[in-house]
Protein backbone atom coordinates (compact mmCIF):
# COMPACT_ATOMS: atom_id res chain seq x y z
CA UNK A 1 -103.01 82.90 68.12
CA UNK A 2 -99.39 83.86 68.74
CA UNK A 3 -98.63 86.10 71.69
CA UNK A 4 -97.45 89.49 70.39
CA UNK A 5 -95.26 91.99 72.23
CA UNK A 6 -95.12 95.62 71.13
CA UNK A 7 -91.86 96.93 72.55
CA UNK A 8 -88.45 98.51 72.03
CA UNK A 9 -85.28 96.82 73.30
CA UNK A 10 -83.83 99.99 74.87
CA UNK A 11 -86.98 100.80 76.88
CA UNK A 12 -86.64 100.04 80.59
CA UNK A 13 -90.26 98.98 81.02
CA UNK A 14 -90.09 96.83 77.89
CA UNK A 15 -87.01 95.14 79.32
CA UNK A 16 -88.99 94.42 82.48
CA UNK A 17 -91.42 92.30 80.43
CA UNK A 18 -88.74 90.82 78.18
CA UNK A 19 -86.88 89.50 81.23
CA UNK A 20 -89.97 87.51 82.24
CA UNK A 21 -90.62 86.24 78.70
CA UNK A 22 -87.03 85.14 78.11
CA UNK A 23 -86.52 83.67 81.58
CA UNK A 24 -89.63 81.53 81.12
CA UNK A 25 -88.86 80.69 77.49
CA UNK A 26 -92.32 81.91 76.44
CA UNK A 27 -92.74 82.05 72.65
CA UNK A 28 -93.94 85.39 71.28
CA UNK A 29 -93.83 87.58 68.19
CA UNK A 30 -91.73 90.70 68.73
CA UNK A 31 -93.42 93.76 67.18
CA UNK A 32 -90.43 96.10 67.19
CA UNK A 33 -91.34 99.75 67.71
CA UNK A 34 -88.59 101.32 65.62
CA UNK A 35 -88.65 103.86 62.79
CA UNK A 36 -88.27 101.25 60.06
CA UNK A 37 -91.41 99.45 61.28
CA UNK A 38 -94.11 102.18 61.18
CA UNK A 39 -96.81 99.56 60.80
CA UNK A 40 -96.12 98.36 64.34
CA UNK A 41 -96.76 101.84 65.77
CA UNK A 42 -100.04 101.99 63.90
CA UNK A 43 -101.07 98.57 65.17
CA UNK A 44 -100.06 99.50 68.73
CA UNK A 45 -102.30 102.59 68.64
CA UNK A 46 -105.21 100.48 67.48
CA UNK A 47 -104.80 98.27 70.53
CA UNK A 48 -103.82 100.97 73.03
CA UNK A 49 -104.69 104.55 72.00
CA UNK A 50 -102.12 106.11 74.32
CA UNK A 51 -99.39 104.52 72.21
CA UNK A 52 -97.29 103.68 75.27
CA UNK A 53 -95.44 100.41 75.57
CA UNK A 54 -94.91 97.59 76.36
CA UNK A 55 -98.23 96.09 75.34
CA UNK A 56 -98.94 92.44 74.69
CA UNK A 57 -101.78 91.17 72.56
CA UNK A 58 -102.93 87.71 73.56
CA UNK A 59 -105.65 86.06 71.48
CA UNK A 60 -106.78 89.49 70.32
CA UNK A 61 -106.86 91.02 73.84
CA UNK A 62 -104.45 93.88 74.63
CA UNK A 63 -102.79 94.06 78.04
CA UNK A 64 -100.84 97.19 78.99
CA UNK A 65 -98.55 98.16 81.90
CA UNK A 66 -95.51 95.99 82.57
CA UNK A 67 -96.47 94.60 85.96
CA UNK A 68 -99.95 93.65 84.75
CA UNK A 69 -98.42 92.05 81.65
CA UNK A 70 -96.15 89.86 83.79
CA UNK A 71 -99.05 88.87 86.02
CA UNK A 72 -101.04 87.95 82.89
CA UNK A 73 -98.15 85.84 81.66
CA UNK A 74 -97.95 83.99 84.98
CA UNK A 75 -101.64 83.13 84.83
CA UNK A 76 -102.10 82.41 81.12
CA UNK A 77 -98.59 81.41 79.96
CA UNK A 78 -96.99 79.89 83.07
CA UNK A 79 -93.33 78.95 82.93
CA UNK A 80 -90.74 77.74 85.43
CA UNK A 81 -90.64 81.05 87.34
CA UNK A 82 -93.28 82.11 89.86
CA UNK A 83 -93.18 85.85 89.34
CA UNK A 84 -95.64 86.74 92.11
CA UNK A 85 -95.76 84.16 94.91
CA UNK A 86 -98.75 83.66 97.18
CA UNK A 87 -99.20 85.07 100.66
CA UNK A 88 -96.92 87.40 102.57
CA UNK A 89 -93.99 86.81 100.21
CA UNK A 90 -96.18 87.86 97.30
CA UNK A 91 -97.19 91.05 99.06
CA UNK A 92 -93.52 91.85 99.67
CA UNK A 93 -92.79 91.17 95.99
CA UNK A 94 -95.60 93.50 94.90
CA UNK A 95 -94.37 96.24 97.22
CA UNK A 96 -90.78 96.02 95.99
CA UNK A 97 -91.97 95.98 92.38
CA UNK A 98 -93.75 99.27 93.01
CA UNK A 99 -90.73 100.62 94.90
CA UNK A 100 -88.36 100.01 92.00
CA UNK A 101 -90.82 101.48 89.50
CA UNK A 102 -91.77 104.55 91.53
CA UNK A 103 -88.63 105.43 93.45
CA UNK A 104 -85.85 104.19 91.17
CA UNK A 105 -87.18 104.00 87.61
CA UNK A 106 -89.32 107.16 87.72
CA UNK A 107 -86.58 109.27 89.30
CA UNK A 108 -84.04 107.93 86.80
CA UNK A 109 -86.36 108.86 83.94
CA UNK A 110 -86.93 112.35 85.33
CA UNK A 111 -83.17 112.97 85.39
CA UNK A 112 -82.39 111.32 82.06
CA UNK A 113 -85.20 112.85 79.99
CA UNK A 114 -84.97 116.46 81.19
CA UNK A 115 -82.51 117.34 78.36
CA UNK A 116 -85.30 116.50 75.88
CA UNK A 117 -87.43 119.41 77.11
CA UNK A 118 -87.51 122.48 74.85
CA UNK A 119 -85.21 125.38 75.69
CA UNK A 120 -86.68 127.40 78.51
CA UNK A 121 -88.70 124.45 79.80
CA UNK A 122 -86.00 122.53 81.65
CA UNK A 123 -86.91 121.54 85.20
CA UNK A 124 -83.67 121.99 87.16
CA UNK A 125 -85.47 121.88 90.49
CA UNK A 126 -87.37 118.72 89.55
CA UNK A 127 -84.13 117.03 88.51
CA UNK A 128 -82.49 118.05 91.79
CA UNK A 129 -85.40 116.56 93.76
CA UNK A 130 -85.35 113.39 91.66
CA UNK A 131 -81.62 112.97 92.22
CA UNK A 132 -82.05 113.38 95.98
CA UNK A 133 -84.95 110.92 96.02
CA UNK A 134 -82.94 108.42 93.98
CA UNK A 135 -80.13 108.55 96.53
CA UNK A 136 -82.67 108.05 99.31
CA UNK A 137 -83.97 104.99 97.44
CA UNK A 138 -80.43 103.65 97.10
CA UNK A 139 -79.81 104.06 100.83
CA UNK A 140 -83.09 102.34 101.75
CA UNK A 141 -82.37 99.46 99.38
CA UNK A 142 -78.88 99.01 100.80
CA UNK A 143 -80.47 98.32 104.18
CA UNK A 144 -83.01 95.86 102.70
CA UNK A 145 -80.66 94.04 100.36
CA UNK A 146 -80.03 90.29 100.72
CA UNK A 147 -76.38 89.35 101.01
CA UNK A 148 -76.71 87.21 97.90
CA UNK A 149 -79.40 85.84 95.61
CA UNK A 150 -82.80 87.45 95.15
CA UNK A 151 -85.31 89.31 97.30
CA UNK A 152 -87.96 86.56 97.38
CA UNK A 153 -85.44 83.72 97.43
CA UNK A 154 -86.17 82.88 93.80
CA UNK A 155 -85.90 85.20 90.79
CA UNK A 156 -89.22 87.09 90.79
CA UNK A 157 -91.14 90.14 89.64
CA UNK A 158 -88.85 92.18 91.90
CA UNK A 159 -85.86 91.39 89.72
CA UNK A 160 -87.82 92.11 86.53
CA UNK A 161 -88.35 95.63 87.89
CA UNK A 162 -84.97 96.02 89.58
CA UNK A 163 -82.74 95.03 86.66
CA UNK A 164 -83.60 97.78 84.14
CA UNK A 165 -84.19 100.44 86.80
CA UNK A 166 -80.82 99.92 88.49
CA UNK A 167 -79.05 99.42 85.16
CA UNK A 168 -80.05 102.88 83.89
CA UNK A 169 -80.18 104.64 87.27
CA UNK A 170 -76.51 103.91 87.87
CA UNK A 171 -75.78 105.75 84.62
CA UNK A 172 -77.37 109.00 85.84
CA UNK A 173 -76.49 108.72 89.54
CA UNK A 174 -73.83 106.11 90.34
CA UNK A 175 -74.64 103.75 93.21
CA UNK A 176 -71.09 104.17 94.48
CA UNK A 177 -68.80 102.20 96.78
CA UNK A 178 -70.67 103.22 99.93
CA UNK A 179 -73.54 100.90 98.93
CA UNK A 180 -71.68 97.63 98.35
CA UNK A 181 -74.70 95.31 98.72
CA UNK A 182 -76.75 97.26 96.19
CA UNK A 183 -73.83 97.39 93.77
CA UNK A 184 -73.32 93.63 94.11
CA UNK A 185 -77.05 93.06 93.51
CA UNK A 186 -76.89 95.10 90.31
CA UNK A 187 -73.93 92.99 89.17
CA UNK A 188 -75.83 89.76 89.92
CA UNK A 189 -78.77 91.04 87.90
CA UNK A 190 -76.57 91.88 84.91
CA UNK A 191 -75.12 88.36 85.02
CA UNK A 192 -78.56 86.72 84.77
CA UNK A 193 -79.02 85.34 81.21
CA UNK A 194 -82.37 87.10 80.58
CA UNK A 195 -81.06 90.43 81.86
CA UNK A 196 -77.80 90.08 79.96
CA UNK A 197 -79.79 89.47 76.80
CA UNK A 198 -81.74 92.69 77.40
CA UNK A 199 -78.51 94.64 77.79
CA UNK A 200 -77.04 93.20 74.60
CA UNK A 201 -80.16 93.70 72.49
CA UNK A 202 -80.43 97.29 73.72
CA UNK A 203 -76.77 98.06 73.11
CA UNK A 204 -77.17 99.21 69.46
CA UNK A 205 -79.61 101.89 70.62
CA UNK A 206 -77.47 103.53 73.30
CA UNK A 207 -77.26 106.69 71.25
CA UNK A 208 -80.92 107.20 72.24
CA UNK A 209 -79.95 107.86 75.87
CA UNK A 210 -80.56 111.62 76.24
CA UNK A 211 -77.60 112.36 78.50
CA UNK A 212 -75.23 110.15 76.54
CA UNK A 213 -74.66 106.56 77.56
CA UNK A 214 -71.45 105.86 79.48
CA UNK A 215 -68.89 103.49 77.99
CA UNK A 216 -69.79 100.71 80.44
CA UNK A 217 -72.66 98.52 81.58
């Protein structure tokens, strides 16, 4: 049975999985979650009642949560990339994956989605805290950043998490010139073919960005 991916090209967590699929050249059926494909939303809810995405369905079995999806792909649909290495390097990769999700992606989403709250329900204080925490994450990453290449030596799960989180985070809180290694890492990510494909396929949906997408990548 064909591997199915329920996703949207502008979603950061969907891009995380798409990077792994495209970098490995894994064949799959793209179940686009867009208004003109309501049947895909219905099918998603049958597999995962929360309706959140990405979700893959592999031989009738649904797997949710981006990191778990990528781990499933490594085990059941292995390609040229080792997304989670063994041993101490693998533990470092898992930690950095969580760091990018929790301290970069989540804070970016808090800032970017606050305008969607109803009038009178905006969380100015929460946005202020998220912005401060995002800058703290930037500063910590600047100290950890390799001079070139990737965190684990090879392109890994870290980059699957880092690429969409840094791509969108820089829109809401620019990395700035005082973090040159982090800025250079973001540029390397955007030059990777799988990441570049995510950016291009998400480009038609930039009007979805709540704060208004900047006229740049």
